């Protein structure tokens, strides 16, 4: 009896492994939503304009019009909400900001496209 139970458990584990493998193959065939987030200049300073740029791609295609893209600016734990941005060209979205308070800051690019959501984050500390 113990041998039969062991064989049944092993068989069920084998079936579960095959099922996961099939799901992974299916998911790998779908294009991937990629979102980058960078700042220019790289060294962010107080009271100086900085441009945050996000590039959105789905597989090998640039995403311009169909995506919903917002930038969230957080200063010292306080969010200023999500600011909608329009694409410039080739899936490029930009936001210009000037930080006037020292401390911990974050900029998050929230991207919704094809039922997917990505949100790369840039965190940095500013001093006077």
Protein backbone atom coordinates (compact mmCIF):
# COMPACT_ATOMS: atom_id res chain seq x y z
CA UNK A 1 0.00 0.00 0.00
CA UNK A 2 2.81 2.38 0.91
CA UNK A 3 4.47 1.70 -2.44
CA UNK A 4 1.27 2.54 -4.34
CA UNK A 5 0.89 5.86 -2.47
CA UNK A 6 4.52 6.74 -3.18
CA UNK A 7 4.13 5.93 -6.89
CA UNK A 8 0.93 8.02 -7.09
CA UNK A 9 2.61 11.01 -5.40
CA UNK A 10 5.60 10.80 -7.76
CA UNK A 11 3.27 10.55 -10.76
CA UNK A 12 1.32 13.64 -9.63
CA UNK A 13 4.57 15.59 -9.16
CA UNK A 14 5.68 14.57 -12.64
CA UNK A 15 2.39 15.79 -14.13
CA UNK A 16 2.66 19.10 -12.25
CA UNK A 17 6.20 19.59 -13.58
CA UNK A 18 5.07 19.01 -17.16
CA UNK A 19 2.21 21.45 -16.71
CA UNK A 20 4.55 24.19 -15.39
CA UNK A 21 6.94 23.60 -18.28
CA UNK A 22 4.11 24.09 -20.81
CA UNK A 23 3.01 27.31 -19.08
CA UNK A 24 6.57 28.66 -19.10
CA UNK A 25 6.89 27.96 -22.83
CA UNK A 26 3.59 29.74 -23.51
CA UNK A 27 4.62 32.79 -21.45
CA UNK A 28 8.05 33.01 -23.10
CA UNK A 29 6.40 33.29 -26.54
CA UNK A 30 4.54 36.48 -25.57
CA UNK A 31 6.42 39.77 -26.07
CA UNK A 32 7.90 41.34 -22.96
CA UNK A 33 7.05 44.86 -21.79
CA UNK A 34 10.31 46.68 -21.06
CA UNK A 35 10.53 50.10 -19.48
CA UNK A 36 13.76 51.98 -18.81
CA UNK A 37 14.10 55.07 -16.63
CA UNK A 38 17.10 57.40 -16.70
CA UNK A 39 17.97 60.93 -15.61
CA UNK A 40 19.87 63.63 -17.44
CA UNK A 41 22.09 64.75 -15.89
CA UNK A 42 23.09 61.54 -14.10
CA UNK A 43 24.25 63.57 -11.07
CA UNK A 44 21.09 65.30 -9.89
CA UNK A 45 21.57 68.62 -8.07
CA UNK A 46 19.24 70.82 -6.02
CA UNK A 47 17.64 73.74 -7.90
CA UNK A 48 18.75 72.43 -11.31
CA UNK A 49 16.47 71.06 -14.02
CA UNK A 50 16.66 67.32 -14.53
CA UNK A 51 14.96 65.40 -17.34
CA UNK A 52 13.67 61.92 -16.58
CA UNK A 53 13.35 59.77 -19.69
CA UNK A 54 11.50 56.50 -19.98
CA UNK A 55 11.62 54.27 -23.07
CA UNK A 56 8.81 51.76 -23.50
CA UNK A 57 9.06 48.70 -25.72
CA UNK A 58 6.86 45.65 -26.18
CA UNK A 59 8.98 42.92 -27.67
CA UNK A 60 10.93 44.70 -30.40
CA UNK A 61 8.29 47.39 -30.99
CA UNK A 62 8.46 50.91 -29.52
CA UNK A 63 5.25 51.84 -27.72
CA UNK A 64 4.10 55.40 -28.26
CA UNK A 65 0.40 56.10 -28.32
CA UNK A 66 -1.29 53.06 -26.78
CA UNK A 67 0.44 53.00 -23.39
CA UNK A 68 -0.69 54.90 -20.32
CA UNK A 69 2.46 56.43 -18.82
CA UNK A 70 2.68 58.53 -15.68
CA UNK A 71 5.64 59.70 -13.62
CA UNK A 72 5.36 59.77 -9.83
CA UNK A 73 7.67 62.09 -7.90
CA UNK A 74 8.26 61.34 -4.22
CA UNK A 75 10.19 63.74 -1.98
CA UNK A 76 11.04 62.69 1.57
CA UNK A 77 8.23 60.14 1.59
CA UNK A 78 5.58 62.50 0.19
CA UNK A 79 4.16 61.67 -3.22
CA UNK A 80 3.17 64.54 -5.48
CA UNK A 81 0.87 62.21 -7.37
CA UNK A 82 1.18 60.81 -10.87
CA UNK A 83 1.86 63.20 -13.70
CA UNK A 84 0.69 62.02 -17.15
CA UNK A 85 3.24 62.39 -19.94
CA UNK A 86 2.92 62.12 -23.71
CA UNK A 87 5.43 60.30 -25.91
CA UNK A 88 7.94 62.34 -27.92
CA UNK A 89 8.83 59.70 -30.50
CA UNK A 90 9.85 56.06 -30.67
CA UNK A 91 8.37 55.17 -27.29
CA UNK A 92 10.19 57.96 -25.41
CA UNK A 93 8.41 59.69 -22.52
CA UNK A 94 9.99 62.62 -20.63
CA UNK A 95 9.38 64.73 -17.54
CA UNK A 96 11.36 67.82 -16.50
CA UNK A 97 11.66 68.45 -12.75
CA UNK A 98 13.58 70.75 -10.42
CA UNK A 99 14.13 69.58 -6.83
CA UNK A 100 14.31 72.31 -4.19
CA UNK A 101 14.35 70.25 -0.99
CA UNK A 102 17.28 68.12 0.20
CA UNK A 103 16.62 64.54 1.27
CA UNK A 104 15.47 61.22 -0.14
CA UNK A 105 13.77 61.32 -3.53
CA UNK A 106 12.27 58.83 -5.94
CA UNK A 107 10.89 59.02 -9.44
CA UNK A 108 8.74 56.14 -10.64
CA UNK A 109 7.61 55.59 -14.23
CA UNK A 110 4.26 53.79 -14.14
CA UNK A 111 3.46 52.13 -17.47
CA UNK A 112 0.26 50.24 -18.32
CA UNK A 113 0.10 48.46 -21.66
CA UNK A 114 -1.69 45.34 -22.93
CA UNK A 115 -2.86 44.49 -19.40
CA UNK A 116 0.72 44.67 -18.08
CA UNK A 117 2.17 47.11 -15.55
CA UNK A 118 5.84 48.03 -15.13
CA UNK A 119 7.25 50.60 -12.74
CA UNK A 120 11.00 51.21 -12.75
CA UNK A 121 12.22 53.41 -9.88
CA UNK A 122 15.11 55.84 -9.58
CA UNK A 123 16.07 56.62 -5.98
CA UNK A 124 18.58 59.27 -4.98
CA UNK A 125 19.65 61.47 -2.05
CA UNK A 126 20.14 65.22 -2.47
CA UNK A 127 22.14 67.45 -0.11
CA UNK A 128 22.54 71.20 0.02
